Amino acid sequence: MNPAPRHFGNAQALRESASRRVVRVRRLPRGFTLVETLAAVGIISLLVGISAYALNRLRDSNILAQSRNAVLTYAKIARSYAIAHQIETMMVVNPRNGRFELWHLNPPYGGGPFDPLSSGTSPPMTDGYAFAPVLDSGARLPLDRSGRPLAVVHPIDFADNDLRPFQVDSDANYDNLTWAAFCFDKSGKLVIRTRRIATRTYTLRNGAERNLNDRNRLLDESPDLSVRLFGPMVQGGVNGDTPITSTVGFVISERPKFRQVLGPQPTTLELVNNWLMQTRPGGRHSDAASTVILNRFSGSELVGAF
């Protein structure tokens, strides 16, 4: 018998192989269900929210740290100035533009002996006069992109009704609660003094322009030194400057949070009761503020005092 042709055997082998072949269907990957997608989106949103909160808190803590360091730095400069020039000196934080102003206390208008008690009647809280800011324009709190201070500074003794009465919502009471000041005598000791400085700002609290005859500050809220040409730069009376009492410490707060809670024009009672009292340890806004007490002999921060 003749063997089968080679091509015939190959064809049959192919048919047998095809009959045994298992056809495998490629299975496409399974997609996410709606529930799984929503869960993933929720987790991502939560993580983004936590990260944003952490970044905001870091930014806010940096604002407080930068502002605290700036105030402490220039308080030391004020102290050094007082010692070097042997003249009682006050550093004031301008609440309008965040500038630090350095003032001689009671320099005689026409020269002569320096009188540390001025016209006061009960030292050491004397109602005298101040003059001559000497700090440069770069001495200030950190600013936002619009040139507004990122922080606000208030005196530590805000609840003292003898030094800073706040029951009546007057300009004088509000000024005394918002113009923080630190006074050093010629030996460099931190002292309590009540002095008049140029608090009659160019604009009123509501943003309106103050009457020309009632103000002694320029548009940028720096003191208008030309006023001195016509006599003392500060005046008494209804429209006169507020007697500002120096303090041994300060409360520094985040301005955005401060404005969010109190609005643009808080009353003195709102300022004290709804913010300053609440920035104390354990208060509602204690995380948005930092309280610092100064060493009365060195002017440095007294760690652990509050």
C-alpha atoms as a PDB file:
ATOM      1  CA  MET A   1       0.000   0.000   0.000  1.00  0.00           C
ATOM      2  CA  ASN A   2       1.285   3.355  -0.924  1.00  0.00           C
ATOM      3  CA  PRO A   3       1.641   5.774   1.936  1.00  0.00           C
ATOM      4  CA  ALA A   4      -0.806   8.736   2.052  1.00  0.00           C
ATOM      5  CA  PRO A   5       0.470  11.870   0.451  1.00  0.00           C
ATOM      6  CA  ARG A   6       2.266  14.134   2.909  1.00  0.00           C
ATOM      7  CA  HIS A   7      -0.065  17.037   2.248  1.00  0.00           C
ATOM      8  CA  PHE A   8      -3.113  14.927   3.090  1.00  0.00           C
ATOM      9  CA  GLY A   9      -1.661  13.900   6.432  1.00  0.00           C
ATOM     10  CA  ASN A  10      -0.871  17.476   7.273  1.00  0.00           C
ATOM     11  CA  ALA A  11      -4.422  18.617   6.525  1.00  0.00           C
ATOM     12  CA  GLN A  12      -5.950  15.982   8.744  1.00  0.00           C
ATOM     13  CA  ALA A  13      -3.579  16.792  11.552  1.00  0.00           C
ATOM     14  CA  LEU A  14      -4.646  20.419  11.310  1.00  0.00           C
ATOM     15  CA  ARG A  15      -8.323  19.474  11.533  1.00  0.00           C
ATOM     16  CA  GLU A  16      -7.752  17.343  14.593  1.00  0.00           C
ATOM     17  CA  SER A  17      -5.749  20.117  16.230  1.00  0.00           C
ATOM     18  CA  ALA A  18      -8.530  22.649  15.560  1.00  0.00           C
ATOM     19  CA  SER A  19     -11.150  20.369  17.074  1.00  0.00           C
ATOM     20  CA  ARG A  20      -9.161  20.105  20.282  1.00  0.00           C
ATOM     21  CA  ARG A  21      -8.266  23.787  20.471  1.00  0.00           C
ATOM     22  CA  VAL A  22      -9.865  25.737  23.322  1.00  0.00           C
ATOM     23  CA  VAL A  23     -10.829  29.165  22.177  1.00  0.00           C
ATOM     24  CA  ARG A  24     -10.052  31.607  24.926  1.00  0.00           C
ATOM     25  CA  VAL A  25     -12.025  34.843  25.058  1.00  0.00           C
ATOM     26  CA  ARG A  26      -9.994  37.827  26.290  1.00  0.00           C
ATOM     27  CA  ARG A  27     -11.732  39.207  29.331  1.00  0.00           C
ATOM     28  CA  LEU A  28     -11.751  43.019  29.480  1.00  0.00           C
ATOM     29  CA  PRO A  29     -10.730  44.599  32.828  1.00  0.00           C
ATOM     30  CA  ARG A  30     -13.678  45.382  35.118  1.00  0.00           C
ATOM     31  CA  GLY A  31     -14.413  49.139  35.609  1.00  0.00           C
ATOM     32  CA  PHE A  32     -15.118  50.949  38.900  1.00  0.00           C
ATOM     33  CA  THR A  33     -18.654  50.900  40.142  1.00  0.00           C
ATOM     34  CA  LEU A  34     -20.412  54.145  41.028  1.00  0.00           C
ATOM     35  CA  VAL A  35     -20.083  53.382  44.742  1.00  0.00           C
ATOM     36  CA  GLU A  36     -16.350  52.762  44.420  1.00  0.00           C
ATOM     37  CA  THR A  37     -15.888  55.975  42.429  1.00  0.00           C
ATOM     38  CA  LEU A  38     -17.793  58.051  44.972  1.00  0.00           C
ATOM     39  CA  ALA A  39     -15.806  56.505  47.806  1.00  0.00           C
ATOM     40  CA  ALA A  40     -12.518  57.322  46.075  1.00  0.00           C
ATOM     41  CA  VAL A  41     -13.625  60.893  45.387  1.00  0.00           C
ATOM     42  CA  GLY A  42     -14.681  61.274  49.020  1.00  0.00           C
ATOM     43  CA  ILE A  43     -11.325  60.038  50.315  1.00  0.00           C
ATOM     44  CA  ILE A  44      -9.421  62.327  47.961  1.00  0.00           C
ATOM     45  CA  SER A  45     -11.572  65.307  48.981  1.00  0.00           C
ATOM     46  CA  LEU A  46     -11.000  64.509  52.656  1.00  0.00           C
ATOM     47  CA  LEU A  47      -7.245  64.320  52.167  1.00  0.00           C
ATOM     48  CA  VAL A  48      -7.246  67.582  50.209  1.00  0.00           C
ATOM     49  CA  GLY A  49      -9.283  69.254  52.963  1.00  0.00           C
ATOM     50  CA  ILE A  50      -6.951  68.005  55.688  1.00  0.00           C
ATOM     51  CA  SER A  51      -3.922  69.158  53.717  1.00  0.00           C
ATOM     52  CA  ALA A  52      -5.457  72.594  53.095  1.00  0.00           C
ATOM     53  CA  TYR A  53      -6.319  72.964  56.786  1.00  0.00           C
ATOM     54  CA  ALA A  54      -2.799  71.949  57.790  1.00  0.00           C
ATOM     55  CA  LEU A  55      -1.281  74.413  55.324  1.00  0.00           C
ATOM     56  CA  ASN A  56      -3.570  77.199  56.536  1.00  0.00           C
ATOM     57  CA  ARG A  57      -2.673  76.520  60.161  1.00  0.00           C
ATOM     58  CA  LEU A  58       1.007  76.472  59.255  1.00  0.00           C
ATOM     59  CA  ARG A  59       0.606  79.785  57.427  1.00  0.00           C
ATOM     60  CA  ASP A  60      -1.303  81.319  60.336  1.00  0.00           C
ATOM     61  CA  SER A  61       1.231  80.115  62.885  1.00  0.00           C
ATOM     62  CA  ASN A  62       3.957  81.619  60.722  1.00  0.00           C
ATOM     63  CA  ILE A  63       2.089  84.944  60.699  1.00  0.00           C
ATOM     64  CA  LEU A  64       1.926  84.947  64.485  1.00  0.00           C
ATOM     65  CA  ALA A  65       5.583  83.918  64.818  1.00  0.00           C
ATOM     66  CA  GLN A  66       6.803  86.538  62.319  1.00  0.00           C
ATOM     67  CA  SER A  67       4.730  89.265  63.950  1.00  0.00           C
ATOM     68  CA  ARG A  68       5.841  88.321  67.459  1.00  0.00           C
ATOM     69  CA  ASN A  69       9.490  88.300  66.412  1.00  0.00           C
ATOM     70  CA  ALA A  70       9.095  91.675  64.683  1.00  0.00           C
ATOM     71  CA  VAL A  71       7.526  93.306  67.747  1.00  0.00           C
ATOM     72  CA  LEU A  72      10.162  91.845  70.072  1.00  0.00           C
ATOM     73  CA  THR A  73      12.981  92.913  67.752  1.00  0.00           C
ATOM     74  CA  TYR A  74      11.878  96.527  67.592  1.00  0.00           C
ATOM     75  CA  ALA A  75      11.047  96.629  71.284  1.00  0.00           C
ATOM     76  CA  LYS A  76      14.726  95.862  71.865  1.00  0.00           C
ATOM     77  CA  ILE A  77      15.653  98.629  69.433  1.00  0.00           C
ATOM     78  CA  ALA A  78      13.441 101.047  71.379  1.00  0.00           C
ATOM     79  CA  ARG A  79      15.126  99.977  74.602  1.00  0.00           C
ATOM     80  CA  SER A  80      18.595 100.402  73.096  1.00  0.00           C
ATOM     81  CA  TYR A  81      17.600 103.840  71.797  1.00  0.00           C
ATOM     82  CA  ALA A  82      16.409 104.895  75.251  1.00  0.00           C
ATOM     83  CA  ILE A  83      19.699 103.816  76.831  1.00  0.00           C
ATOM     84  CA  ALA A  84      21.925 105.260  74.101  1.00  0.00           C
ATOM     85  CA  HIS A  85      20.221 108.657  74.093  1.00  0.00           C
ATOM     86  CA  GLN A  86      19.337 108.700  77.791  1.00  0.00           C
ATOM     87  CA  ILE A  87      15.765 109.622  76.973  1.00  0.00           C
ATOM     88  CA  GLU A  88      12.543 107.849  77.857  1.00  0.00           C
ATOM     89  CA  THR A  89      11.280 106.153  74.700  1.00  0.00           C
ATOM     90  CA  MET A  90       8.010 104.524  73.677  1.00  0.00           C
ATOM     91  CA  MET A  91       7.443 102.092  70.823  1.00  0.00           C
ATOM     92  CA  VAL A  92       3.914 102.211  69.418  1.00  0.00           C
ATOM     93  CA  VAL A  93       2.238  99.751  67.048  1.00  0.00           C
ATOM     94  CA  ASN A  94       0.040 101.646  64.585  1.00  0.00           C
ATOM     95  CA  PRO A  95      -3.179  99.602  64.148  1.00  0.00           C
ATOM     96  CA  ARG A  96      -3.959 101.203  60.776  1.00  0.00           C
ATOM     97  CA  ASN A  97      -0.841 100.224  58.818  1.00  0.00           C
ATOM     98  CA  GLY A  98       1.043  97.916  61.172  1.00  0.00           C
ATOM     99  CA  ARG A  99       3.997 100.292  61.451  1.00  0.00           C
ATOM    100  CA  PHE A 100       6.220 100.434  64.530  1.00  0.00           C
ATOM    101  CA  GLU A 101       6.776 104.012  65.627  1.00  0.00           C
ATOM    102  CA  LEU A 102       9.447 105.056  68.063  1.00  0.00           C
ATOM    103  CA  TRP A 103       8.676 108.162  70.113  1.00  0.00           C
ATOM    104  CA  HIS A 104      10.746 110.310  72.438  1.00  0.00           C
ATOM    105  CA  LEU A 105       8.744 111.143  75.514  1.00  0.00           C
ATOM    106  CA  ASN A 106       8.346 114.756  76.448  1.00  0.00           C
ATOM    107  CA  PRO A 107      11.318 116.337  74.662  1.00  0.00           C
ATOM    108  CA  PRO A 108      11.166 120.083  75.404  1.00  0.00           C
ATOM    109  CA  TYR A 109       9.838 122.098  72.474  1.00  0.00           C
ATOM    110  CA  GLY A 110      12.569 124.685  72.712  1.00  0.00           C
ATOM    111  CA  GLY A 111      15.304 122.587  74.330  1.00  0.00           C
ATOM    112  CA  GLY A 112      16.272 122.488  77.975  1.00  0.00           C
ATOM    113  CA  PRO A 113      15.996 119.886  80.723  1.00  0.00           C
ATOM    114  CA  PHE A 114      14.057 116.718  79.999  1.00  0.00           C
ATOM    115  CA  ASP A 115      11.008 116.311  82.202  1.00  0.00           C
ATOM    116  CA  PRO A 116      10.033 112.607  82.482  1.00  0.00           C
ATOM    117  CA  LEU A 117       6.822 113.410  84.354  1.00  0.00           C
ATOM    118  CA  SER A 118       5.573 116.159  82.036  1.00  0.00           C
ATOM    119  CA  SER A 119       2.182 117.536  83.010  1.00  0.00           C
ATOM    120  CA  GLY A 120       0.969 114.445  84.840  1.00  0.00           C
ATOM    121  CA  THR A 121      -0.238 114.532  88.398  1.00  0.00           C
ATOM    122  CA  SER A 122       0.224 110.940  89.572  1.00  0.00           C
ATOM    123  CA  PRO A 123       3.381 109.200  88.384  1.00  0.00           C
ATOM    124  CA  PRO A 124       4.153 106.682  87.034  1.00  0.00           C
ATOM    125  CA  MET A 125       0.921 107.054  85.036  1.00  0.00           C
ATOM    126  CA  THR A 126       1.492 110.550  83.687  1.00  0.00           C
ATOM    127  CA  ASP A 127      -0.563 112.227  81.030  1.00  0.00           C
ATOM    128  CA  GLY A 128       2.266 113.907  79.168  1.00  0.00           C
ATOM    129  CA  TYR A 129       3.190 114.398  75.529  1.00  0.00           C
ATOM    130  CA  ALA A 130       5.257 112.457  73.019  1.00  0.00           C
ATOM    131  CA  PHE A 131       7.032 113.503  69.854  1.00  0.00           C
ATOM    132  CA  ALA A 132       9.537 112.513  67.138  1.00  0.00           C
ATOM    133  CA  PRO A 133       9.001 109.094  65.550  1.00  0.00           C
ATOM    134  CA  VAL A 134      12.423 107.852  64.481  1.00  0.00           C
ATOM    135  CA  LEU A 135      11.896 104.356  63.029  1.00  0.00           C
ATOM    136  CA  ASP A 136      12.120 103.698  59.287  1.00  0.00           C
ATOM    137  CA  SER A 137       9.126 102.709  57.138  1.00  0.00           C
ATOM    138  CA  GLY A 138      10.245  99.057  57.008  1.00  0.00           C
ATOM    139  CA  ALA A 139       9.635  98.616  60.738  1.00  0.00           C
ATOM    140  CA  ARG A 140       6.231  96.984  60.705  1.00  0.00           C
ATOM    141  CA  LEU A 141       4.119  93.855  60.929  1.00  0.00           C
ATOM    142  CA  PRO A 142       4.114  91.522  57.895  1.00  0.00           C
ATOM    143  CA  LEU A 143       1.729  92.628  55.136  1.00  0.00           C
ATOM    144  CA  ASP A 144      -0.568  90.821  52.714  1.00  0.00           C
ATOM    145  CA  ARG A 145      -0.522  91.375  48.939  1.00  0.00           C
ATOM    146  CA  SER A 146      -2.764  94.419  49.345  1.00  0.00           C
ATOM    147  CA  GLY A 147      -0.382  96.071  51.792  1.00  0.00           C
ATOM    148  CA  ARG A 148      -2.575  95.455  54.842  1.00  0.00           C
ATOM    149  CA  PRO A 149      -1.141  94.062  58.103  1.00  0.00           C
ATOM    150  CA  LEU A 150      -1.588  90.304  58.477  1.00  0.00           C
ATOM    151  CA  ALA A 151      -1.819  90.668  62.252  1.00  0.00           C
ATOM    152  CA  VAL A 152      -3.196  93.033  64.876  1.00  0.00           C
ATOM    153  CA  VAL A 153      -1.588  93.848  68.226  1.00  0.00           C
ATOM    154  CA  HIS A 154      -3.454  94.746  71.416  1.00  0.00           C
ATOM    155  CA  PRO A 155      -2.211  95.603  74.916  1.00  0.00           C
ATOM    156  CA  ILE A 156      -2.178  92.795  77.446  1.00  0.00           C
ATOM    157  CA  ASP A 157      -4.003  94.759  80.149  1.00  0.00           C
ATOM    158  CA  PHE A 158      -7.140  95.214  78.073  1.00  0.00           C
ATOM    159  CA  ALA A 159      -9.392  94.203  80.977  1.00  0.00           C
ATOM    160  CA  ASP A 160      -8.034  96.903  83.301  1.00  0.00           C
ATOM    161  CA  ASN A 161     -10.821  99.455  83.569  1.00  0.00           C
ATOM    162  CA  ASP A 162      -8.553 101.989  85.262  1.00  0.00           C
ATOM    163  CA  LEU A 163      -6.037 102.069  82.393  1.00  0.00           C
ATOM    164  CA  ARG A 164      -8.224 101.031  79.477  1.00  0.00           C
ATOM    165  CA  PRO A 165     -11.913 101.616  80.136  1.00  0.00           C
ATOM    166  CA  PHE A 166     -14.131 100.124  77.450  1.00  0.00           C
ATOM    167  CA  GLN A 167     -17.707 100.430  78.674  1.00  0.00           C
ATOM    168  CA  VAL A 168     -18.288 103.467  76.451  1.00  0.00           C
ATOM    169  CA  ASP A 169     -17.671 103.081  72.727  1.00  0.00           C
ATOM    170  CA  SER A 170     -15.681 106.271  72.264  1.00  0.00           C
ATOM    171  CA  ASP A 171     -12.703 106.925  69.997  1.00  0.00           C
ATOM    172  CA  ALA A 172     -10.495 107.388  73.051  1.00  0.00           C
ATOM    173  CA  ASN A 173     -11.434 104.030  74.567  1.00  0.00           C
ATOM    174  CA  TYR A 174     -11.114 102.248  71.251  1.00  0.00           C
ATOM    175  CA  ASP A 175      -7.709 103.836  70.590  1.00  0.00           C
ATOM    176  CA  ASN A 176      -6.467 102.844  74.026  1.00  0.00           C
ATOM    177  CA  LEU A 177      -7.403  99.234  73.284  1.00  0.00           C
ATOM    178  CA  THR A 178      -5.819  99.112  69.832  1.00  0.00           C
ATOM    179  CA  TRP A 179      -2.654 101.256  70.000  1.00  0.00           C
ATOM    180  CA  ALA A 180      -0.257  98.923  71.792  1.00  0.00           C
ATOM    181  CA  ALA A 181       2.754 100.698  73.327  1.00  0.00           C
ATOM    182  CA  PHE A 182       5.920  99.778  75.244  1.00  0.00           C
ATOM    183  CA  CYS A 183       7.857 102.396  77.195  1.00  0.00           C
ATOM    184  CA  PHE A 184      11.491 102.179  78.346  1.00  0.00           C
ATOM    185  CA  ASP A 185      13.158 104.640  80.667  1.00  0.00           C
ATOM    186  CA  LYS A 186      16.728 105.811  80.126  1.00  0.00           C
ATOM    187  CA  SER A 187      18.081 102.825  82.073  1.00  0.00           C
ATOM    188  CA  GLY A 188      16.234 100.423  79.731  1.00  0.00           C
ATOM    189  CA  LYS A 189      13.592  99.387  82.241  1.00  0.00           C
ATOM    190  CA  LEU A 190      10.080  98.728  80.974  1.00  0.00           C
ATOM    191  CA  VAL A 191       7.782 101.244  82.664  1.00  0.00           C
ATOM    192  CA  ILE A 192       4.096 102.144  82.657  1.00  0.00           C
ATOM    193  CA  ARG A 193       3.446 105.598  81.237  1.00  0.00           C
ATOM    194  CA  THR A 194       0.419 107.378  79.832  1.00  0.00           C
ATOM    195  CA  ARG A 195       1.326 109.689  76.967  1.00  0.00           C
ATOM    196  CA  ARG A 196      -0.408 111.437  74.109  1.00  0.00           C
ATOM    197  CA  ILE A 197       0.683 110.410  70.626  1.00  0.00           C
ATOM    198  CA  ALA A 198      -0.683 111.316  67.194  1.00  0.00           C
ATOM    199  CA  THR A 199      -3.797 109.131  67.165  1.00  0.00           C
ATOM    200  CA  ARG A 200      -5.970 111.499  65.129  1.00  0.00           C
ATOM    201  CA  THR A 201      -5.683 109.439  61.960  1.00  0.00           C
ATOM    202  CA  TYR A 202      -6.306 110.629  58.409  1.00  0.00           C
ATOM    203  CA  THR A 203      -9.416 108.450  58.192  1.00  0.00           C
ATOM    204  CA  LEU A 204     -12.075 107.581  60.722  1.00  0.00           C
ATOM    205  CA  ARG A 205     -12.811 103.994  61.762  1.00  0.00           C
ATOM    206  CA  ASN A 206     -15.481 103.736  59.074  1.00  0.00           C
ATOM    207  CA  GLY A 207     -13.008 104.766  56.366  1.00  0.00           C
ATOM    208  CA  ALA A 208     -14.332 108.310  55.912  1.00  0.00           C
ATOM    209  CA  GLU A 209     -11.802 111.136  55.764  1.00  0.00           C
ATOM    210  CA  ARG A 210     -11.348 112.945  59.046  1.00  0.00           C
ATOM    211  CA  ASN A 211     -11.830 116.713  59.141  1.00  0.00           C
ATOM    212  CA  LEU A 212      -8.627 118.537  58.239  1.00  0.00           C
ATOM    213  CA  ASN A 213      -8.484 120.419  61.536  1.00  0.00           C
ATOM    214  CA  ASP A 214      -9.043 117.253  63.592  1.00  0.00           C
ATOM    215  CA  ARG A 215      -6.280 115.039  62.196  1.00  0.00           C
ATOM    216  CA  ASN A 216      -2.531 114.994  62.667  1.00  0.00           C
ATOM    217  CA  ARG A 217      -1.619 112.105  60.390  1.00  0.00           C
ATOM    218  CA  LEU A 218      -0.993 111.915  56.660  1.00  0.00           C
ATOM    219  CA  LEU A 219      -2.758 109.726  54.116  1.00  0.00           C
ATOM    220  CA  ASP A 220      -0.386 106.818  54.839  1.00  0.00           C
ATOM    221  CA  GLU A 221      -1.206 107.312  58.546  1.00  0.00           C
ATOM    222  CA  SER A 222       2.322 108.452  59.395  1.00  0.00           C
ATOM    223  CA  PRO A 223       2.499 111.434  61.792  1.00  0.00           C
ATOM    224  CA  ASP A 224       2.133 114.842  60.179  1.00  0.00           C
ATOM    225  CA  LEU A 225       5.210 116.563  61.552  1.00  0.00           C
ATOM    226  CA  SER A 226       4.198 119.896  60.012  1.00  0.00           C
ATOM    227  CA  VAL A 227       1.555 120.245  62.718  1.00  0.00           C
ATOM    228  CA  ARG A 228       4.357 121.016  65.153  1.00  0.00           C
ATOM    229  CA  LEU A 229       5.085 124.223  63.289  1.00  0.00           C
ATOM    230  CA  PHE A 230       1.933 125.683  64.767  1.00  0.00           C
ATOM    231  CA  GLY A 231       2.512 124.479  68.313  1.00  0.00           C
ATOM    232  CA  PRO A 232       2.493 121.114  70.055  1.00  0.00           C
ATOM    233  CA  MET A 233       1.738 118.267  67.653  1.00  0.00           C
ATOM    234  CA  VAL A 234      -0.834 116.776  70.001  1.00  0.00           C
ATOM    235  CA  GLN A 235      -3.754 118.626  71.488  1.00  0.00           C
ATOM    236  CA  GLY A 236      -6.283 117.979  74.200  1.00  0.00           C
ATOM    237  CA  GLY A 237     -10.024 118.447  74.046  1.00  0.00           C
ATOM    238  CA  VAL A 238     -12.753 116.469  72.324  1.00  0.00           C
ATOM    239  CA  ASN A 239     -10.793 116.036  69.076  1.00  0.00           C
ATOM    240  CA  GLY A 240      -7.402 115.661  70.715  1.00  0.00           C
ATOM    241  CA  ASP A 241      -5.135 112.676  70.797  1.00  0.00           C
ATOM    242  CA  THR A 242      -5.872 109.754  73.048  1.00  0.00           C
ATOM    243  CA  PRO A 243      -3.617 109.289  76.088  1.00  0.00           C
ATOM    244  CA  ILE A 244      -2.057 105.871  75.377  1.00  0.00           C
ATOM    245  CA  THR A 245      -0.878 103.792  78.316  1.00  0.00           C
ATOM    246  CA  SER A 246       2.162 101.578  77.781  1.00  0.00           C
ATOM    247  CA  THR A 247       1.983  97.929  78.754  1.00  0.00           C
ATOM    248  CA  VAL A 248       4.222  95.023  79.751  1.00  0.00           C
ATOM    249  CA  GLY A 249       2.855  92.645  77.133  1.00  0.00           C
ATOM    250  CA  PHE A 250       0.691  92.248  74.087  1.00  0.00           C
ATOM    251  CA  VAL A 251      -1.815  90.015  72.339  1.00  0.00           C
ATOM    252  CA  ILE A 252      -1.071  89.425  68.677  1.00  0.00           C
ATOM    253  CA  SER A 253      -3.897  88.052  66.524  1.00  0.00           C
ATOM    254  CA  GLU A 254      -4.439  86.898  62.964  1.00  0.00           C
ATOM    255  CA  ARG A 255      -6.160  89.780  61.195  1.00  0.00           C
ATOM    256  CA  PRO A 256      -8.289  87.632  58.808  1.00  0.00           C
ATOM    257  CA  LYS A 257      -9.757  85.677  61.733  1.00  0.00           C
ATOM    258  CA  PHE A 258     -10.112  88.852  63.770  1.00  0.00           C
ATOM    259  CA  ARG A 259     -12.081  90.554  60.988  1.00  0.00           C
ATOM    260  CA  GLN A 260     -14.143  87.432  60.361  1.00  0.00           C
ATOM    261  CA  VAL A 261     -15.303  87.331  63.975  1.00  0.00           C
ATOM    262  CA  LEU A 262     -15.772  91.059  64.654  1.00  0.00           C
ATOM    263  CA  GLY A 263     -16.378  92.615  61.253  1.00  0.00           C
ATOM    264  CA  PRO A 264     -14.792  95.874  60.051  1.00  0.00           C
ATOM    265  CA  GLN A 265     -16.029  98.182  62.846  1.00  0.00           C
ATOM    266  CA  PRO A 266     -16.307  96.413  66.204  1.00  0.00           C
ATOM    267  CA  THR A 267     -17.295  98.348  69.293  1.00  0.00           C
ATOM    268  CA  THR A 268     -15.003  98.435  72.321  1.00  0.00           C
ATOM    269  CA  LEU A 269     -17.230  95.960  74.148  1.00  0.00           C
ATOM    270  CA  GLU A 270     -17.209  93.576  71.177  1.00  0.00           C
ATOM    271  CA  LEU A 271     -13.445  93.885  70.879  1.00  0.00           C
ATOM    272  CA  VAL A 272     -12.891  92.951  74.521  1.00  0.00           C
ATOM    273  CA  ASN A 273     -15.668  90.439  75.156  1.00  0.00           C
ATOM    274  CA  ASN A 274     -15.870  88.696  71.764  1.00  0.00           C
ATOM    275  CA  TRP A 275     -12.177  88.618  70.945  1.00  0.00           C
ATOM    276  CA  LEU A 276      -9.570  89.587  73.548  1.00  0.00           C
ATOM    277  CA  MET A 277     -11.212  87.677  76.388  1.00  0.00           C
ATOM    278  CA  GLN A 278     -11.534  84.703  74.035  1.00  0.00           C
ATOM    279  CA  THR A 279      -7.854  84.684  73.024  1.00  0.00           C
ATOM    280  CA  ARG A 280      -6.738  83.685  76.500  1.00  0.00           C
ATOM    281  CA  PRO A 281      -5.633  80.043  76.971  1.00  0.00           C
ATOM    282  CA  GLY A 282      -8.670  77.809  76.553  1.00  0.00           C
ATOM    283  CA  GLY A 283     -10.700  80.546  74.848  1.00  0.00           C
ATOM    284  CA  ARG A 284     -12.568  80.087  71.578  1.00  0.00           C
ATOM    285  CA  HIS A 285      -9.975  82.023  69.601  1.00  0.00           C
ATOM    286  CA  SER A 286      -6.829  81.091  71.504  1.00  0.00           C
ATOM    287  CA  ASP A 287      -5.504  79.226  68.445  1.00  0.00           C
ATOM    288  CA  ALA A 288      -5.662  82.449  66.398  1.00  0.00           C
ATOM    289  CA  ALA A 289      -3.666  84.588  68.818  1.00  0.00           C
ATOM    290  CA  SER A 290      -0.436  84.653  70.767  1.00  0.00           C
ATOM    291  CA  THR A 291       0.113  86.375  74.112  1.00  0.00           C
ATOM    292  CA  VAL A 292       3.558  87.679  75.074  1.00  0.00           C
ATOM    293  CA  ILE A 293       4.784  89.197  78.350  1.00  0.00           C
ATOM    294  CA  LEU A 294       8.010  91.221  78.341  1.00  0.00           C
ATOM    295  CA  ASN A 295      10.727  91.089  80.952  1.00  0.00           C
ATOM    296  CA  ARG A 296      10.618  94.569  82.460  1.00  0.00           C
ATOM    297  CA  PHE A 297      14.386  94.705  82.894  1.00  0.00           C
ATOM    298  CA  SER A 298      15.572  93.321  79.536  1.00  0.00           C
ATOM    299  CA  GLY A 299      12.626  93.922  77.198  1.00  0.00           C
ATOM    300  CA  SER A 300      12.868  90.305  76.016  1.00  0.00           C
ATOM    301  CA  GLU A 301      10.022  87.810  75.986  1.00  0.00           C
ATOM    302  CA  LEU A 302       9.357  86.349  79.425  1.00  0.00           C
ATOM    303  CA  VAL A 303       8.966  82.687  78.504  1.00  0.00           C
ATOM    304  CA  GLY A 304       6.225  80.802  80.326  1.00  0.00           C
ATOM    305  CA  ALA A 305       4.703  83.930  81.836  1.00  0.00           C
ATOM    306  CA  PHE A 306       1.252  83.331  80.344  1.00  0.00           C
END
